[in-house]
Protein backbone atom coordinates (compact mmCIF):
# COMPACT_ATOMS: atom_id res chain seq x y z
CA MET A 1 -64.93 43.38 12.03
CA HIS A 2 -64.19 41.98 16.02
CA GLY A 3 -64.38 43.04 18.99
CA GLU A 4 -64.23 41.77 22.47
CA VAL A 5 -65.90 41.86 26.02
CA ALA A 6 -64.29 44.19 28.31
CA ALA A 7 -67.08 43.54 31.52
CA VAL A 8 -69.73 41.75 31.85
CA HIS A 9 -72.95 42.99 34.73
CA ARG A 10 -75.85 42.05 36.11
CA SER A 11 -78.09 43.05 38.63
CA ALA A 12 -81.02 40.98 40.33
CA SER A 13 -82.57 44.80 41.34
CA HIS A 14 -84.04 47.58 39.22
CA SER A 15 -81.31 49.72 40.02
CA PHE A 16 -79.15 52.22 37.74
CA GLY A 17 -75.92 50.53 37.65
CA LYS A 18 -74.76 46.78 37.65
CA PHE A 19 -72.47 44.86 39.80
CA ALA A 20 -69.05 43.79 37.90
CA GLU A 21 -68.94 39.54 37.26
CA ASP A 22 -66.63 37.33 35.75
CA ALA A 23 -69.17 35.70 33.60
CA VAL A 24 -72.95 36.08 32.71
CA THR A 25 -74.96 33.67 31.19
CA LEU A 26 -77.09 34.29 28.26
CA VAL A 27 -80.57 32.76 27.98
CA ALA A 28 -82.51 32.80 24.29
CA GLY A 29 -85.43 34.86 24.58
CA LEU A 30 -84.58 36.09 27.85
CA GLY A 31 -81.38 37.96 28.49
CA VAL A 32 -78.69 37.92 31.05
CA ALA A 33 -79.61 35.00 33.73
CA GLY A 34 -80.25 36.74 37.29
CA ASP A 35 -80.72 40.75 35.82
CA ALA A 36 -83.89 42.10 36.93
CA HIS A 37 -84.38 43.15 32.68
CA ALA A 38 -84.63 39.52 31.82
CA GLY A 39 -87.95 38.29 30.19
CA SER A 40 -89.27 37.92 27.15
CA THR A 41 -91.94 40.99 27.64
CA VAL A 42 -90.88 44.13 28.48
CA GLN A 43 -89.49 44.34 32.02
CA HIS A 44 -88.17 48.47 32.33
CA ARG A 45 -90.35 49.81 34.79
CA SER A 46 -91.43 52.54 32.45
CA ARG A 47 -92.25 50.21 29.39
CA VAL A 48 -94.41 48.15 31.97
CA ARG A 49 -96.48 50.86 32.42
CA ARG A 50 -97.38 51.63 29.03
CA ASP A 51 -97.62 47.96 27.93
CA PRO A 52 -96.55 44.61 30.01
CA SER A 53 -97.25 42.21 27.38
CA ALA A 54 -94.95 43.98 24.73
CA PRO A 55 -92.15 42.22 23.62
CA ASN A 56 -88.76 42.96 25.14
CA LEU A 57 -86.29 44.18 22.94
CA ARG A 58 -83.98 45.38 25.80
CA GLN A 59 -82.82 41.99 26.68
CA VAL A 60 -78.98 43.09 26.66
CA HIS A 61 -77.73 46.32 27.14
CA LEU A 62 -74.13 47.05 25.54
CA LEU A 63 -71.87 49.99 25.82
CA GLN A 64 -68.52 50.95 24.29
CA ILE A 65 -65.52 51.39 26.77
CA GLU A 66 -64.49 53.89 24.23
CA LEU A 67 -67.36 55.84 25.51
CA PHE A 68 -65.73 56.31 29.03
CA ASP A 69 -62.65 57.24 27.58
CA GLU A 70 -64.34 60.18 25.49
CA LEU A 71 -66.04 61.34 28.85
CA LEU A 72 -63.14 61.93 31.20
CA PRO A 73 -61.79 64.79 29.86
CA LYS A 74 -65.56 66.15 29.81
CA GLY A 75 -65.09 65.47 33.89
CA PHE A 76 -67.48 62.51 33.52
CA ALA A 77 -65.40 59.52 35.68
CA VAL A 78 -67.76 56.77 34.75
CA TRP A 79 -66.89 53.01 34.78
CA PRO A 80 -68.06 49.51 32.88
CA GLY A 81 -71.55 49.19 34.85
CA GLU A 82 -72.48 51.97 35.96
CA LEU A 83 -74.82 52.88 32.92
CA GLY A 84 -76.44 49.98 33.68
CA GLU A 85 -75.04 47.76 30.78
CA ASN A 86 -74.67 44.42 31.15
CA VAL A 87 -71.93 44.45 28.54
CA THR A 88 -69.00 46.28 27.89
CA THR A 89 -67.30 45.91 24.25
CA ARG A 90 -64.11 47.37 23.82
CA GLY A 91 -62.36 47.76 19.83
CA LEU A 92 -66.05 48.07 18.04
CA ASP A 93 -68.20 50.84 17.29
CA LEU A 94 -71.58 49.97 18.37
CA LEU A 95 -73.54 52.88 17.33
CA ALA A 96 -72.82 52.15 13.64
CA LEU A 97 -74.24 49.11 13.39
CA PRO A 98 -77.41 48.68 11.70
CA ALA A 99 -80.67 47.19 13.05
CA GLY A 100 -80.54 43.35 12.77
CA THR A 101 -76.30 43.11 13.40
CA ARG A 102 -75.60 39.64 15.24
CA LEU A 103 -73.28 39.48 17.48
CA ARG A 104 -71.34 36.73 18.47
CA LEU A 105 -70.04 36.77 22.02
CA GLY A 106 -67.59 34.00 23.04
CA SER A 107 -68.17 30.34 21.78
CA GLN A 108 -71.71 29.86 22.27
CA ALA A 109 -74.10 32.92 22.66
CA THR A 110 -75.63 35.11 19.82
CA ILE A 111 -77.42 38.67 20.39
CA GLU A 112 -79.29 40.02 17.44
CA LEU A 113 -79.13 44.24 17.84
CA THR A 114 -82.45 45.91 18.04
CA GLY A 115 -81.86 49.94 18.45
CA LEU A 116 -80.38 52.25 20.44
CA ARG A 117 -80.79 52.86 24.23
CA ASN A 118 -82.55 56.22 24.65
CA PRO A 119 -80.61 58.13 27.68
CA CYS A 120 -83.35 58.96 30.70
CA SER A 121 -82.90 61.50 33.23
CA GLN A 122 -81.47 58.65 35.51
CA ILE A 123 -77.91 59.41 34.29
CA ASP A 124 -78.09 63.15 35.54
CA LYS A 125 -79.15 61.44 38.91
CA PHE A 126 -75.98 59.38 38.71
CA GLN A 127 -74.09 62.31 37.80
CA PRO A 128 -75.22 65.67 36.81
CA GLY A 129 -75.01 66.88 33.22
CA LEU A 130 -73.93 63.33 32.29
CA MET A 131 -77.13 63.24 29.88
CA ALA A 132 -75.98 65.96 27.99
CA ALA A 133 -73.09 64.21 27.45
CA VAL A 134 -73.89 61.48 25.87
CA LEU A 135 -75.83 63.07 23.64
CA ASP A 136 -74.61 64.47 20.78
CA ARG A 137 -75.52 66.05 17.17
CA ASP A 138 -74.20 64.45 13.99
CA ALA A 139 -73.45 67.34 10.74
CA GLN A 140 -76.71 67.11 9.72
CA GLY A 141 -78.01 68.25 13.01
CA ARG A 142 -79.60 65.15 13.82
CA LEU A 143 -79.63 64.11 17.75
CA VAL A 144 -76.69 61.02 18.14
CA ARG A 145 -77.49 59.19 21.24
CA LYS A 146 -73.78 57.32 22.88
CA ALA A 147 -75.86 55.60 25.68
CA GLY A 148 -75.39 52.15 24.19
CA VAL A 149 -77.26 49.80 21.87
CA MET A 150 -79.83 47.37 23.40
CA ALA A 151 -80.56 43.77 22.13
CA VAL A 152 -82.32 40.34 22.29
CA VAL A 153 -80.61 36.60 22.68
CA LEU A 154 -80.77 33.97 20.20
CA GLN A 155 -78.74 31.62 21.48
CA GLY A 156 -77.69 31.62 25.04
CA GLY A 157 -74.01 30.75 26.24
CA GLU A 158 -72.03 32.04 28.76
CA VAL A 159 -69.77 35.37 28.20
CA ARG A 160 -66.90 36.25 29.94
CA VAL A 161 -64.67 38.99 30.29
CA GLY A 162 -61.85 38.90 27.69
CA ASP A 163 -64.28 37.00 24.82
CA PRO A 164 -64.32 38.01 21.33
CA ILE A 165 -66.95 39.32 19.55
CA ALA A 166 -67.81 38.10 16.05
CA VAL A 167 -70.08 40.57 13.94
CA ASP A 168 -72.49 39.36 11.20
CA LEU A 169 -74.08 42.08 9.26
CA PRO A 170 -77.67 41.40 8.63
CA ALA A 171 -77.90 40.85 4.80
CA GLY A 172 -79.43 43.55 2.11
CA GLU A 173 -80.12 47.12 2.85
CA HIS A 174 -78.75 48.25 6.44
CA ARG A 175 -81.37 50.32 8.30
CA ALA A 176 -79.70 52.40 11.05
CA LEU A 177 -80.58 51.80 14.81
CA GLU A 178 -83.31 53.83 16.22
CA PRO A 179 -84.16 53.91 20.22
CA VAL A 180 -86.09 51.12 21.59
């Protein structure tokens, strides 16, 4: 199972969208260098208010570019970085990967998936109705969150547009991603 990096983004401020870069540097245990959400403890404002000492399980936000193709016919023109992701992927069904999956990005960086991004009301402020468009129900009626996955950085390194992404599934029984 392989994919590729379609785009990379970061923002030094707690803005909704992030800015496109040619490359970003992942730092082990922290996240994307120069990004407002980098840190060993929670950096998202709502989570800091709850418990500023909690570990940061949301160091890197990944979103599959295929979501944008799904949203366009529904009237939502969304482009990489606009939903706040650090890494936009191509060719991987991120939502189907189990918790603990390791992704090798390029030749150096390794991240581990911790959970799903739980879409928030900021999505509707960006484009009214978009929140409902990134939520769905599966055949059993369970809520499906399509706003990407979160990860922690195990091994740092530079990640560039066009880099390959290799997938290492965890050993043993797989556990579905849950919101973090």
